[in-house]
Amino acid sequence: LRGVNAEERCFAWKLTQDMLPVGSRIHRRNAKRRCLAQLDNGGLCQEIQNLEHVFRSCSAVMESYAMIIQVLDRFIERSVSYENLVHLSFNHRNKMKLKYALWFAVKILFLIFIKKYFNKIQLLKECIKEIDWNLNMSRNFGSIVEMIRLKDIMLEFVEGNAV
């Protein structure tokens, strides 16, 4: 997982080991087990939080989840399931492409879980900003061509041209 910072690397490890502190796993007294994500209608999500709810089924994150899957499907040219995403278990013959796909998945899931970013455009812009920074600093951790290809796919979603 080159290209991610220590906090994101720790998050990725906890994600793959199913050790993220979600509401259904916290058993302390007076612990907040509900999701409490801000919904579009102004209310708060009252569902009991589990891993699937955090990344896929919460109303606040459904559009972002669909976008993540579409970007990964287009980038690695394969279908990525929810289980593959949360376990970071998807694969590709081209290892440079796989590095950037894993980088993208970790960055986006980190932003959703830790930073509570639910807007798909905001998520993509954060990743694009990170790619631009890496390109400007000549800090690539794989193929520059693949990095630019991933950025172009994300830009299509931001501009609304993606299918």
C-alpha atoms as a PDB file:
ATOM      1  CA  LEU A   1       0.000   0.000   0.000  1.00  0.00           C
ATOM      2  CA  ARG A   2       2.465   2.610  -1.138  1.00  0.00           C
ATOM      3  CA  GLY A   3       1.071   6.076  -1.516  1.00  0.00           C
ATOM      4  CA  VAL A   4      -1.105   6.022   1.589  1.00  0.00           C
ATOM      5  CA  ASN A   5      -0.114   7.527   4.911  1.00  0.00           C
ATOM      6  CA  ALA A   6       0.246   5.597   8.176  1.00  0.00           C
ATOM      7  CA  GLU A   7      -3.282   6.366   9.362  1.00  0.00           C
ATOM      8  CA  GLU A   8      -4.756   5.120   6.082  1.00  0.00           C
ATOM      9  CA  ARG A   9      -2.560   2.023   6.168  1.00  0.00           C
ATOM     10  CA  CYS A  10      -3.795   1.238   9.685  1.00  0.00           C
ATOM     11  CA  PHE A  11      -7.374   1.783   8.493  1.00  0.00           C
ATOM     12  CA  ALA A  12      -6.806  -0.621   5.563  1.00  0.00           C
ATOM     13  CA  TRP A  13      -5.445  -3.276   7.903  1.00  0.00           C
ATOM     14  CA  LYS A  14      -8.393  -2.912  10.282  1.00  0.00           C
ATOM     15  CA  LEU A  15     -10.783  -3.026   7.319  1.00  0.00           C
ATOM     16  CA  THR A  16      -9.362  -6.264   5.949  1.00  0.00           C
ATOM     17  CA  GLN A  17      -9.250  -7.827   9.421  1.00  0.00           C
ATOM     18  CA  ASP A  18     -12.860  -6.769  10.179  1.00  0.00           C
ATOM     19  CA  MET A  19     -11.723  -4.752  13.186  1.00  0.00           C
ATOM     20  CA  LEU A  20     -13.224  -1.327  12.441  1.00  0.00           C
ATOM     21  CA  PRO A  21     -15.116   0.086  15.416  1.00  0.00           C
ATOM     22  CA  VAL A  22     -18.688   0.113  14.098  1.00  0.00           C
ATOM     23  CA  GLY A  23     -21.763   0.429  16.287  1.00  0.00           C
ATOM     24  CA  SER A  24     -22.796  -3.230  16.229  1.00  0.00           C
ATOM     25  CA  ARG A  25     -19.350  -4.237  17.521  1.00  0.00           C
ATOM     26  CA  ILE A  26     -19.015  -1.684  20.326  1.00  0.00           C
ATOM     27  CA  HIS A  27     -20.215  -3.161  23.598  1.00  0.00           C
ATOM     28  CA  ARG A  28     -19.354  -0.412  26.065  1.00  0.00           C
ATOM     29  CA  ARG A  29     -22.061   1.071  28.220  1.00  0.00           C
ATOM     30  CA  ASN A  30     -23.659   4.212  26.729  1.00  0.00           C
ATOM     31  CA  ALA A  31     -21.834   3.704  23.435  1.00  0.00           C
ATOM     32  CA  LYS A  32     -23.453   5.228  20.365  1.00  0.00           C
ATOM     33  CA  ARG A  33     -24.451   2.298  18.173  1.00  0.00           C
ATOM     34  CA  ARG A  34     -26.601   4.218  15.724  1.00  0.00           C
ATOM     35  CA  CYS A  35     -25.206   5.532  12.447  1.00  0.00           C
ATOM     36  CA  LEU A  36     -26.226   9.201  12.956  1.00  0.00           C
ATOM     37  CA  ALA A  37     -25.136  10.212   9.444  1.00  0.00           C
ATOM     38  CA  GLN A  38     -26.701  13.408   8.095  1.00  0.00           C
ATOM     39  CA  LEU A  39     -29.351  12.476   5.510  1.00  0.00           C
ATOM     40  CA  ASP A  40     -30.515  14.512   2.517  1.00  0.00           C
ATOM     41  CA  ASN A  41     -33.832  15.338   4.204  1.00  0.00           C
ATOM     42  CA  GLY A  42     -32.006  16.928   7.151  1.00  0.00           C
ATOM     43  CA  GLY A  43     -32.574  14.061   9.560  1.00  0.00           C
ATOM     44  CA  LEU A  44     -30.104  11.641  11.064  1.00  0.00           C
ATOM     45  CA  CYS A  45     -29.823   7.973  10.139  1.00  0.00           C
ATOM     46  CA  GLN A  46     -31.035   5.884  13.069  1.00  0.00           C
ATOM     47  CA  GLU A  47     -29.957   2.431  11.852  1.00  0.00           C
ATOM     48  CA  ILE A  48     -27.654   0.280  13.948  1.00  0.00           C
ATOM     49  CA  GLN A  49     -24.261   0.707  12.363  1.00  0.00           C
ATOM     50  CA  ASN A  50     -22.444  -2.287  10.880  1.00  0.00           C
ATOM     51  CA  LEU A  51     -19.780  -2.507   8.199  1.00  0.00           C
ATOM     52  CA  GLU A  52     -22.228  -3.020   5.344  1.00  0.00           C
ATOM     53  CA  HIS A  53     -24.370  -0.136   6.536  1.00  0.00           C
ATOM     54  CA  VAL A  54     -21.374   2.228   6.764  1.00  0.00           C
ATOM     55  CA  PHE A  55     -20.106   1.586   3.243  1.00  0.00           C
ATOM     56  CA  ARG A  56     -23.143   0.431   1.237  1.00  0.00           C
ATOM     57  CA  SER A  57     -26.668   0.528   2.604  1.00  0.00           C
ATOM     58  CA  CYS A  58     -26.858   3.843   4.506  1.00  0.00           C
ATOM     59  CA  SER A  59     -28.931   6.391   2.595  1.00  0.00           C
ATOM     60  CA  ALA A  60     -26.148   8.953   2.971  1.00  0.00           C
ATOM     61  CA  VAL A  61     -23.564   6.758   1.228  1.00  0.00           C
ATOM     62  CA  MET A  62     -25.549   4.803  -1.392  1.00  0.00           C
ATOM     63  CA  GLU A  63     -24.634   7.096  -4.300  1.00  0.00           C
ATOM     64  CA  SER A  64     -20.994   7.191  -3.247  1.00  0.00           C
ATOM     65  CA  TYR A  65     -20.859   3.400  -3.033  1.00  0.00           C
ATOM     66  CA  ALA A  66     -22.294   3.066  -6.548  1.00  0.00           C
ATOM     67  CA  MET A  67     -19.716   5.559  -7.820  1.00  0.00           C
ATOM     68  CA  ILE A  68     -16.828   3.679  -6.151  1.00  0.00           C
ATOM     69  CA  ILE A  69     -17.900   0.411  -7.762  1.00  0.00           C
ATOM     70  CA  GLN A  70     -18.321   2.059 -11.177  1.00  0.00           C
ATOM     71  CA  VAL A  71     -14.901   3.737 -11.049  1.00  0.00           C
ATOM     72  CA  LEU A  72     -13.200   0.499 -10.005  1.00  0.00           C
ATOM     73  CA  ASP A  73     -15.101  -1.528 -12.632  1.00  0.00           C
ATOM     74  CA  ARG A  74     -14.023   0.878 -15.368  1.00  0.00           C
ATOM     75  CA  PHE A  75     -10.450   1.158 -14.150  1.00  0.00           C
ATOM     76  CA  ILE A  76      -9.616  -2.523 -13.642  1.00  0.00           C
ATOM     77  CA  GLU A  77     -12.102  -3.649 -16.314  1.00  0.00           C
ATOM     78  CA  ARG A  78     -13.667  -6.242 -14.019  1.00  0.00           C
ATOM     79  CA  SER A  79     -16.674  -6.446 -11.788  1.00  0.00           C
ATOM     80  CA  VAL A  80     -15.947  -5.613  -8.155  1.00  0.00           C
ATOM     81  CA  SER A  81     -18.400  -6.851  -5.524  1.00  0.00           C
ATOM     82  CA  TYR A  82     -19.042  -5.360  -2.095  1.00  0.00           C
ATOM     83  CA  GLU A  83     -17.116  -8.199  -0.423  1.00  0.00           C
ATOM     84  CA  ASN A  84     -14.142  -7.628  -2.729  1.00  0.00           C
ATOM     85  CA  LEU A  85     -14.212  -3.927  -1.920  1.00  0.00           C
ATOM     86  CA  VAL A  86     -14.330  -4.149   1.877  1.00  0.00           C
ATOM     87  CA  HIS A  87     -11.728  -6.910   2.002  1.00  0.00           C
ATOM     88  CA  LEU A  88      -9.584  -5.251  -0.676  1.00  0.00           C
ATOM     89  CA  SER A  89      -9.527  -8.652  -2.357  1.00  0.00           C
ATOM     90  CA  PHE A  90      -9.915  -7.706  -6.003  1.00  0.00           C
ATOM     91  CA  ASN A  91      -7.047  -8.534  -8.339  1.00  0.00           C
ATOM     92  CA  HIS A  92      -5.684  -7.641 -11.748  1.00  0.00           C
ATOM     93  CA  ARG A  93      -2.996  -9.060 -14.003  1.00  0.00           C
ATOM     94  CA  ASN A  94      -1.406  -5.611 -14.382  1.00  0.00           C
ATOM     95  CA  LYS A  95       0.095  -4.952 -10.934  1.00  0.00           C
ATOM     96  CA  MET A  96       0.497  -1.202 -11.579  1.00  0.00           C
ATOM     97  CA  LYS A  97      -3.221  -0.962 -12.254  1.00  0.00           C
ATOM     98  CA  LEU A  98      -3.902  -3.026  -9.128  1.00  0.00           C
ATOM     99  CA  LYS A  99      -1.770  -0.663  -6.995  1.00  0.00           C
ATOM    100  CA  TYR A 100      -3.805   2.351  -8.067  1.00  0.00           C
ATOM    101  CA  ALA A 101      -7.110   0.516  -7.670  1.00  0.00           C
ATOM    102  CA  LEU A 102      -6.176  -0.428  -4.102  1.00  0.00           C
ATOM    103  CA  TRP A 103      -4.934   3.107  -3.438  1.00  0.00           C
ATOM    104  CA  PHE A 104      -8.255   4.523  -4.678  1.00  0.00           C
ATOM    105  CA  ALA A 105     -10.333   2.058  -2.622  1.00  0.00           C
ATOM    106  CA  VAL A 106      -8.393   2.748   0.590  1.00  0.00           C
ATOM    107  CA  LYS A 107      -8.504   6.541   0.116  1.00  0.00           C
ATOM    108  CA  ILE A 108     -12.245   6.630  -0.605  1.00  0.00           C
ATOM    109  CA  LEU A 109     -13.253   4.219   2.174  1.00  0.00           C
ATOM    110  CA  PHE A 110     -11.006   6.109   4.616  1.00  0.00           C
ATOM    111  CA  LEU A 111     -12.683   9.404   3.695  1.00  0.00           C
ATOM    112  CA  ILE A 112     -16.119   7.867   4.192  1.00  0.00           C
ATOM    113  CA  PHE A 113     -15.377   6.146   7.508  1.00  0.00           C
ATOM    114  CA  ILE A 114     -13.018   8.561   9.255  1.00  0.00           C
ATOM    115  CA  LYS A 115     -13.675  11.952   7.673  1.00  0.00           C
ATOM    116  CA  LYS A 116     -17.432  11.345   7.173  1.00  0.00           C
ATOM    117  CA  TYR A 117     -17.433  12.566   3.568  1.00  0.00           C
ATOM    118  CA  PHE A 118     -20.605  11.262   1.918  1.00  0.00           C
ATOM    119  CA  ASN A 119     -20.829  13.458  -1.182  1.00  0.00           C
ATOM    120  CA  LYS A 120     -19.491  11.501  -4.159  1.00  0.00           C
ATOM    121  CA  ILE A 121     -18.186  14.623  -5.917  1.00  0.00           C
ATOM    122  CA  GLN A 122     -16.339  15.735  -2.784  1.00  0.00           C
ATOM    123  CA  LEU A 123     -14.785  12.264  -2.447  1.00  0.00           C
ATOM    124  CA  LEU A 124     -13.605  12.270  -6.053  1.00  0.00           C
ATOM    125  CA  LYS A 125     -12.214  15.801  -5.819  1.00  0.00           C
ATOM    126  CA  GLU A 126     -10.160  14.820  -2.757  1.00  0.00           C
ATOM    127  CA  CYS A 127      -8.665  11.871  -4.662  1.00  0.00           C
ATOM    128  CA  ILE A 128      -8.013  13.999  -7.744  1.00  0.00           C
ATOM    129  CA  LYS A 129      -6.290  16.590  -5.562  1.00  0.00           C
ATOM    130  CA  GLU A 130      -4.087  13.842  -4.108  1.00  0.00           C
ATOM    131  CA  ILE A 131      -3.213  12.535  -7.596  1.00  0.00           C
ATOM    132  CA  ASP A 132      -2.355  16.071  -8.758  1.00  0.00           C
ATOM    133  CA  TRP A 133      -0.110  16.524  -5.729  1.00  0.00           C
ATOM    134  CA  ASN A 134       1.649  13.216  -6.458  1.00  0.00           C
ATOM    135  CA  LEU A 135       2.144  14.214 -10.105  1.00  0.00           C
ATOM    136  CA  ASN A 136       3.452  17.684  -9.223  1.00  0.00           C
ATOM    137  CA  MET A 137       5.905  16.262  -6.690  1.00  0.00           C
ATOM    138  CA  SER A 138       6.958  13.516  -9.145  1.00  0.00           C
ATOM    139  CA  ARG A 139       5.978  11.097  -6.411  1.00  0.00           C
ATOM    140  CA  ASN A 140       4.550   8.193  -8.295  1.00  0.00           C
ATOM    141  CA  PHE A 141       4.346   4.745  -6.737  1.00  0.00           C
ATOM    142  CA  GLY A 142       3.675   2.949  -9.994  1.00  0.00           C
ATOM    143  CA  SER A 143       2.957   3.861 -13.573  1.00  0.00           C
ATOM    144  CA  ILE A 144       2.238   7.519 -14.338  1.00  0.00           C
ATOM    145  CA  VAL A 145       0.062   6.393 -17.257  1.00  0.00           C
ATOM    146  CA  GLU A 146      -2.181   4.372 -14.919  1.00  0.00           C
ATOM    147  CA  MET A 147      -2.323   7.260 -12.431  1.00  0.00           C
ATOM    148  CA  ILE A 148      -3.484   9.634 -15.174  1.00  0.00           C
ATOM    149  CA  ARG A 149      -5.986   7.056 -16.467  1.00  0.00           C
ATOM    150  CA  LEU A 150      -7.542   6.734 -12.993  1.00  0.00           C
ATOM    151  CA  LYS A 151      -7.656  10.535 -12.715  1.00  0.00           C
ATOM    152  CA  ASP A 152      -9.417  10.778 -16.105  1.00  0.00           C
ATOM    153  CA  ILE A 153     -12.051   8.248 -15.037  1.00  0.00           C
ATOM    154  CA  MET A 154     -12.680  10.209 -11.832  1.00  0.00           C
ATOM    155  CA  LEU A 155     -12.870  13.498 -13.775  1.00  0.00           C
ATOM    156  CA  GLU A 156     -15.555  11.996 -16.021  1.00  0.00           C
ATOM    157  CA  PHE A 157     -17.656  11.264 -12.937  1.00  0.00           C
ATOM    158  CA  VAL A 158     -17.080  14.752 -11.526  1.00  0.00           C
ATOM    159  CA  GLU A 159     -18.082  16.375 -14.816  1.00  0.00           C
ATOM    160  CA  GLY A 160     -21.109  14.085 -15.135  1.00  0.00           C
ATOM    161  CA  ASN A 161     -20.035  12.393 -18.365  1.00  0.00           C
ATOM    162  CA  ALA A 162     -19.768   8.880 -16.914  1.00  0.00           C
ATOM    163  CA  VAL A 163     -22.292   6.248 -17.893  1.00  0.00           C
END
